[in-house]
Protein backbone atom coordinates (compact mmCIF):
# COMPACT_ATOMS: atom_id res chain seq x y z
CA MET A 1 -9.14 -6.47 46.96
CA PRO A 2 -9.27 -6.93 43.16
CA ASP A 3 -7.60 -9.90 41.57
CA ALA A 4 -4.18 -8.72 40.30
CA GLY A 5 -4.12 -11.47 37.66
CA ARG A 6 -7.20 -10.04 35.99
CA PHE A 7 -5.39 -6.74 35.35
CA SER A 8 -2.18 -8.34 34.13
CA GLY A 9 -4.20 -10.21 31.50
CA ALA A 10 -5.74 -6.96 30.32
CA GLY A 11 -2.27 -5.44 30.07
CA GLU A 12 -1.06 -8.35 27.96
CA GLU A 13 -4.09 -8.04 25.66
CA GLY A 14 -3.44 -4.31 25.30
CA GLU A 15 0.21 -4.92 24.51
CA ARG A 16 -0.71 -7.52 21.90
CA ALA A 17 -3.26 -5.14 20.34
CA VAL A 18 -0.70 -2.37 20.11
CA SER A 19 1.88 -4.74 18.57
CA GLU A 20 -0.60 -5.97 15.95
CA ALA A 21 -1.73 -2.44 15.12
CA ALA A 22 1.88 -1.26 14.86
CA ALA A 23 2.67 -4.04 12.39
CA VAL A 24 -0.26 -3.01 10.18
CA LEU A 25 0.69 0.65 10.47
CA GLU A 26 4.27 -0.15 9.51
CA ARG A 27 3.07 -1.86 6.31
CA GLU A 28 0.81 1.09 5.50
CA LEU A 29 3.59 3.59 6.12
CA ALA A 30 5.82 1.69 3.73
CA ALA A 31 3.08 1.86 1.12
CA GLY A 32 2.71 5.60 1.75
CA LEU A 33 6.35 6.28 0.96
CA ALA A 34 5.48 6.58 -2.73
CA ASP A 35 3.17 9.49 -1.95
CA ALA A 36 5.78 11.12 0.26
CA LYS A 37 8.48 10.66 -2.38
CA ALA A 38 6.26 12.25 -5.03
CA VAL A 39 5.73 15.32 -2.83
CA GLY A 40 9.44 15.49 -2.03
CA GLY A 41 10.48 14.97 -5.64
CA ARG A 42 8.30 17.79 -6.91
CA LEU A 43 9.58 20.05 -4.14
CA ALA A 44 13.19 19.34 -5.10
CA ASP A 45 12.68 19.44 -8.88
CA GLU A 46 10.09 22.19 -9.29
CA HIS A 47 10.33 24.09 -6.00
CA ARG A 48 6.64 23.66 -5.33
CA VAL A 49 4.26 21.43 -3.42
CA ASP A 50 1.47 19.90 -5.46
CA GLN A 51 -1.82 20.24 -3.57
CA GLU A 52 -3.27 16.97 -4.93
CA GLU A 53 -0.17 14.90 -4.15
CA PHE A 54 0.01 16.39 -0.68
CA GLY A 55 -3.71 15.77 -0.21
CA ARG A 56 -3.26 12.08 -1.06
CA LEU A 57 -0.47 11.83 1.49
CA VAL A 58 -2.55 13.55 4.18
CA GLN A 59 -5.53 11.29 3.41
CA ARG A 60 -3.37 8.16 3.72
CA VAL A 61 -2.02 9.36 7.07
CA SER A 62 -5.55 10.18 8.21
CA ASP A 63 -6.98 6.81 7.19
CA ASN A 64 -4.13 4.86 8.76
CA THR A 65 -4.14 6.82 11.99
CA HIS A 66 -7.89 6.53 12.47
CA GLU A 67 -7.73 2.80 11.78
CA LEU A 68 -4.95 2.44 14.33
CA ILE A 69 -6.94 4.33 16.96
CA ASP A 70 -10.00 2.19 16.24
CA ALA A 71 -8.05 -1.08 16.39
CA VAL A 72 -6.33 -0.27 19.67
CA SER A 73 -9.45 1.10 21.33
CA ALA A 74 -11.51 -1.92 20.20
CA ARG A 75 -8.97 -4.28 21.73
CA VAL A 76 -8.81 -2.28 24.96
CA LEU A 77 -12.62 -2.05 25.11
CA GLY A 78 -12.81 -5.81 24.77
CA ASN A 79 -10.96 -6.13 28.07
CA THR A 80 -12.60 -3.36 30.08
CA ALA A 81 -15.82 -2.91 31.99
CA GLY A 82 -17.66 -0.18 33.84
CA ASP A 83 -16.09 3.26 34.05
CA ALA A 84 -12.99 2.11 32.18
CA THR A 85 -15.12 1.46 29.10
CA GLU A 86 -16.43 5.00 29.04
CA HIS A 87 -12.96 6.45 29.66
CA THR A 88 -11.56 4.39 26.80
CA ARG A 89 -14.30 5.59 24.45
CA ARG A 90 -13.67 9.22 25.38
CA ILE A 91 -9.93 8.85 24.93
CA ALA A 92 -10.43 7.29 21.49
CA GLU A 93 -12.86 10.04 20.50
CA SER A 94 -10.40 12.72 21.64
CA ALA A 95 -7.59 11.02 19.73
CA HIS A 96 -9.70 11.07 16.55
CA ASP A 97 -10.49 14.77 17.09
CA ILE A 98 -6.83 15.66 17.62
CA VAL A 99 -5.75 13.79 14.48
CA ASP A 100 -8.46 15.53 12.45
CA LEU A 101 -7.45 18.96 13.76
CA LEU A 102 -3.76 18.45 13.04
CA LEU A 103 -4.36 17.06 9.57
CA ASP A 104 -6.82 19.84 8.74
CA LEU A 105 -4.14 22.35 9.71
CA SER A 106 -1.57 20.51 7.60
CA ARG A 107 -3.72 21.08 4.53
CA LEU A 108 -2.60 24.73 4.67
CA ALA A 109 1.02 23.66 4.18
CA PRO A 110 1.14 23.49 0.36
CA SER A 111 -0.07 27.03 -0.24
CA LEU A 112 2.12 28.44 2.54
CA ALA A 113 5.13 26.49 1.31
CA ASN A 114 4.53 27.55 -2.28
CA GLN A 115 4.36 31.22 -1.28
CA GLY A 116 7.69 30.94 0.53
CA LEU A 117 9.27 28.93 -2.27
CA SER A 118 8.14 31.47 -4.83
CA THR A 119 9.76 34.23 -2.81
CA ALA A 120 12.98 32.24 -2.38
CA PHE A 121 13.29 30.72 -5.86
CA GLY A 122 11.22 32.96 -8.12
CA PRO A 123 8.32 31.71 -10.25
CA GLN A 124 7.59 28.04 -9.84
CA ARG A 125 8.47 25.78 -12.74
CA THR A 126 6.88 22.62 -14.06
CA ALA A 127 8.95 19.50 -14.77
CA ALA A 128 9.32 20.78 -18.37
CA GLY A 129 10.90 23.99 -17.06
CA GLU A 130 7.91 26.15 -17.93
CA PRO A 131 6.49 28.67 -15.45
CA ASP A 132 3.60 27.16 -13.53
CA GLU A 133 0.65 29.51 -13.91
CA ARG A 134 -1.77 27.55 -11.66
CA PRO A 135 -3.16 29.77 -8.93
CA GLY A 136 -2.73 28.77 -5.29
CA GLU A 137 0.19 26.42 -5.86
């Protein structure tokens, strides 16, 4: 029968890894609020979503999420052996793929939002109150 203490140590290491990664993610999320506020401010003021601002926000989320997945999986891999190692690698790879898919889909949001906002509020305006003639926004 396997030593139960060996598995409890791995659980503690995993918990510590998640806690450390969450602390880093929390700091990064706080830093990303400026990007989110810029997107929200333009939406409220100009009734449009700026593709570049939104892209910066998506990139920050992507970078942070991938780093979190890597940090947690590295810590878990450090405490696993055999089949568990391969399972952990596959789970991490799948997590990266899912994040990429969701964030790629989110990149459609600005143009879709801007189409709906244009219908609801009329032509989009810049901060100066002028009609925004840029295509696709």
